[in-house]
């Protein structure tokens, strides 16, 4: 299916943001993702916020001391996890 020019993404999703998101989604924690990737919690939070802006949808529901994936976040996590595993295997 060909997308109209208005629906096309202006630039590709950044790999660093995708890695930060995937780790945060797997752990359901920005803190644990930061530890895994040797970054700060704030850096992971900014990566996820940037990715949410790029895709135009919230990926997490932020609760007091907890994260939950939104339906859009769950779909992206499933695809990102598979893609990053394939890249890492190469």
C-alpha atoms as a PDB file:
ATOM      1  CA  UNK A   1       0.000   0.000   0.000  1.00  0.00           C
ATOM      2  CA  UNK A   2       1.413   3.381  -0.990  1.00  0.00           C
ATOM      3  CA  UNK A   3       0.996   6.128   1.588  1.00  0.00           C
ATOM      4  CA  UNK A   4       0.086   9.650   0.603  1.00  0.00           C
ATOM      5  CA  UNK A   5       2.902  12.190   1.052  1.00  0.00           C
ATOM      6  CA  UNK A   6       1.089  13.691   4.057  1.00  0.00           C
ATOM      7  CA  UNK A   7       1.103  10.314   5.861  1.00  0.00           C
ATOM      8  CA  UNK A   8       4.786   9.465   5.247  1.00  0.00           C
ATOM      9  CA  UNK A   9       7.227   9.857   8.105  1.00  0.00           C
ATOM     10  CA  UNK A  10       9.589  12.774   7.521  1.00  0.00           C
ATOM     11  CA  UNK A  11      12.629  10.864   8.717  1.00  0.00           C
ATOM     12  CA  UNK A  12      13.297   7.314   9.893  1.00  0.00           C
ATOM     13  CA  UNK A  13      12.925   6.387  13.547  1.00  0.00           C
ATOM     14  CA  UNK A  14      16.292   6.625  15.297  1.00  0.00           C
ATOM     15  CA  UNK A  15      17.873   3.326  16.305  1.00  0.00           C
ATOM     16  CA  UNK A  16      18.995   4.653  19.717  1.00  0.00           C
ATOM     17  CA  UNK A  17      15.435   5.701  20.571  1.00  0.00           C
ATOM     18  CA  UNK A  18      14.149   2.327  19.427  1.00  0.00           C
ATOM     19  CA  UNK A  19      16.697   0.493  21.609  1.00  0.00           C
ATOM     20  CA  UNK A  20      15.778   2.640  24.604  1.00  0.00           C
ATOM     21  CA  UNK A  21      12.085   2.012  24.005  1.00  0.00           C
ATOM     22  CA  UNK A  22      12.552  -1.741  23.547  1.00  0.00           C
ATOM     23  CA  UNK A  23      14.499  -2.062  26.779  1.00  0.00           C
ATOM     24  CA  UNK A  24      12.016   0.092  28.718  1.00  0.00           C
ATOM     25  CA  UNK A  25       9.105  -1.914  27.303  1.00  0.00           C
ATOM     26  CA  UNK A  26      10.754  -5.239  28.154  1.00  0.00           C
ATOM     27  CA  UNK A  27      11.505  -4.168  31.730  1.00  0.00           C
ATOM     28  CA  UNK A  28       8.501  -1.825  32.079  1.00  0.00           C
ATOM     29  CA  UNK A  29      10.996   0.501  33.725  1.00  0.00           C
ATOM     30  CA  UNK A  30      13.007   3.461  32.490  1.00  0.00           C
ATOM     31  CA  UNK A  31      15.435   2.920  35.363  1.00  0.00           C
ATOM     32  CA  UNK A  32      16.188  -0.724  34.477  1.00  0.00           C
ATOM     33  CA  UNK A  33      16.464   0.183  30.794  1.00  0.00           C
ATOM     34  CA  UNK A  34      18.964   2.896  31.690  1.00  0.00           C
ATOM     35  CA  UNK A  35      21.043   0.446  33.731  1.00  0.00           C
ATOM     36  CA  UNK A  36      21.007  -2.091  30.895  1.00  0.00           C
ATOM     37  CA  UNK A  37      22.087   0.461  28.284  1.00  0.00           C
ATOM     38  CA  UNK A  38      24.517   2.365  30.537  1.00  0.00           C
ATOM     39  CA  UNK A  39      22.495   5.577  30.228  1.00  0.00           C
ATOM     40  CA  UNK A  40      20.629   7.769  32.665  1.00  0.00           C
ATOM     41  CA  UNK A  41      16.945   7.319  33.428  1.00  0.00           C
ATOM     42  CA  UNK A  42      16.406  10.826  32.076  1.00  0.00           C
ATOM     43  CA  UNK A  43      18.052   9.868  28.784  1.00  0.00           C
ATOM     44  CA  UNK A  44      15.738   6.878  28.352  1.00  0.00           C
ATOM     45  CA  UNK A  45      12.754   9.076  29.185  1.00  0.00           C
ATOM     46  CA  UNK A  46      13.809  11.619  26.540  1.00  0.00           C
ATOM     47  CA  UNK A  47      14.377   8.857  23.950  1.00  0.00           C
ATOM     48  CA  UNK A  48      10.895   7.483  24.569  1.00  0.00           C
ATOM     49  CA  UNK A  49       9.320  10.950  24.466  1.00  0.00           C
ATOM     50  CA  UNK A  50      11.091  11.625  21.161  1.00  0.00           C
ATOM     51  CA  UNK A  51       9.891   8.308  19.745  1.00  0.00           C
ATOM     52  CA  UNK A  52       6.329   9.038  20.893  1.00  0.00           C
ATOM     53  CA  UNK A  53       6.507  12.370  19.090  1.00  0.00           C
ATOM     54  CA  UNK A  54       7.848  10.700  15.939  1.00  0.00           C
ATOM     55  CA  UNK A  55       5.108   8.058  15.826  1.00  0.00           C
ATOM     56  CA  UNK A  56       2.427  10.482  16.978  1.00  0.00           C
ATOM     57  CA  UNK A  57       1.065   8.271  19.749  1.00  0.00           C
ATOM     58  CA  UNK A  58       1.766   7.578  23.397  1.00  0.00           C
ATOM     59  CA  UNK A  59       3.643   4.297  23.820  1.00  0.00           C
ATOM     60  CA  UNK A  60       3.425   4.048  27.613  1.00  0.00           C
ATOM     61  CA  UNK A  61       0.865   4.878  30.240  1.00  0.00           C
ATOM     62  CA  UNK A  62       2.877   6.435  33.026  1.00  0.00           C
ATOM     63  CA  UNK A  63       1.528   5.598  36.462  1.00  0.00           C
ATOM     64  CA  UNK A  64       2.887   6.207  39.926  1.00  0.00           C
ATOM     65  CA  UNK A  65       6.002   4.013  40.062  1.00  0.00           C
ATOM     66  CA  UNK A  66       4.799   1.895  37.134  1.00  0.00           C
ATOM     67  CA  UNK A  67       4.717   1.823  33.351  1.00  0.00           C
ATOM     68  CA  UNK A  68       2.233   0.042  31.108  1.00  0.00           C
ATOM     69  CA  UNK A  69       2.375  -0.253  27.349  1.00  0.00           C
ATOM     70  CA  UNK A  70      -0.440   1.321  25.378  1.00  0.00           C
ATOM     71  CA  UNK A  71      -1.873  -0.740  22.500  1.00  0.00           C
ATOM     72  CA  UNK A  72       0.364   1.234  20.113  1.00  0.00           C
ATOM     73  CA  UNK A  73       3.350   0.626  22.397  1.00  0.00           C
ATOM     74  CA  UNK A  74       2.603  -3.085  22.521  1.00  0.00           C
ATOM     75  CA  UNK A  75       2.505  -3.304  18.713  1.00  0.00           C
ATOM     76  CA  UNK A  76       5.729  -1.333  18.338  1.00  0.00           C
ATOM     77  CA  UNK A  77       7.447  -3.380  21.053  1.00  0.00           C
ATOM     78  CA  UNK A  78       6.604  -6.640  19.309  1.00  0.00           C
ATOM     79  CA  UNK A  79       8.029  -5.434  16.001  1.00  0.00           C
ATOM     80  CA  UNK A  80      11.024  -3.597  17.518  1.00  0.00           C
ATOM     81  CA  UNK A  81      12.020  -6.604  19.619  1.00  0.00           C
ATOM     82  CA  UNK A  82      12.089  -8.881  16.571  1.00  0.00           C
ATOM     83  CA  UNK A  83      13.911  -6.331  14.404  1.00  0.00           C
ATOM     84  CA  UNK A  84      16.568  -5.545  17.017  1.00  0.00           C
ATOM     85  CA  UNK A  85      17.168  -9.243  17.693  1.00  0.00           C
ATOM     86  CA  UNK A  86      17.654  -9.796  13.959  1.00  0.00           C
ATOM     87  CA  UNK A  87      20.061  -6.838  13.715  1.00  0.00           C
ATOM     88  CA  UNK A  88      22.028  -8.063  16.742  1.00  0.00           C
ATOM     89  CA  UNK A  89      22.275 -11.594  15.288  1.00  0.00           C
ATOM     90  CA  UNK A  90      23.825 -10.216  12.096  1.00  0.00           C
END
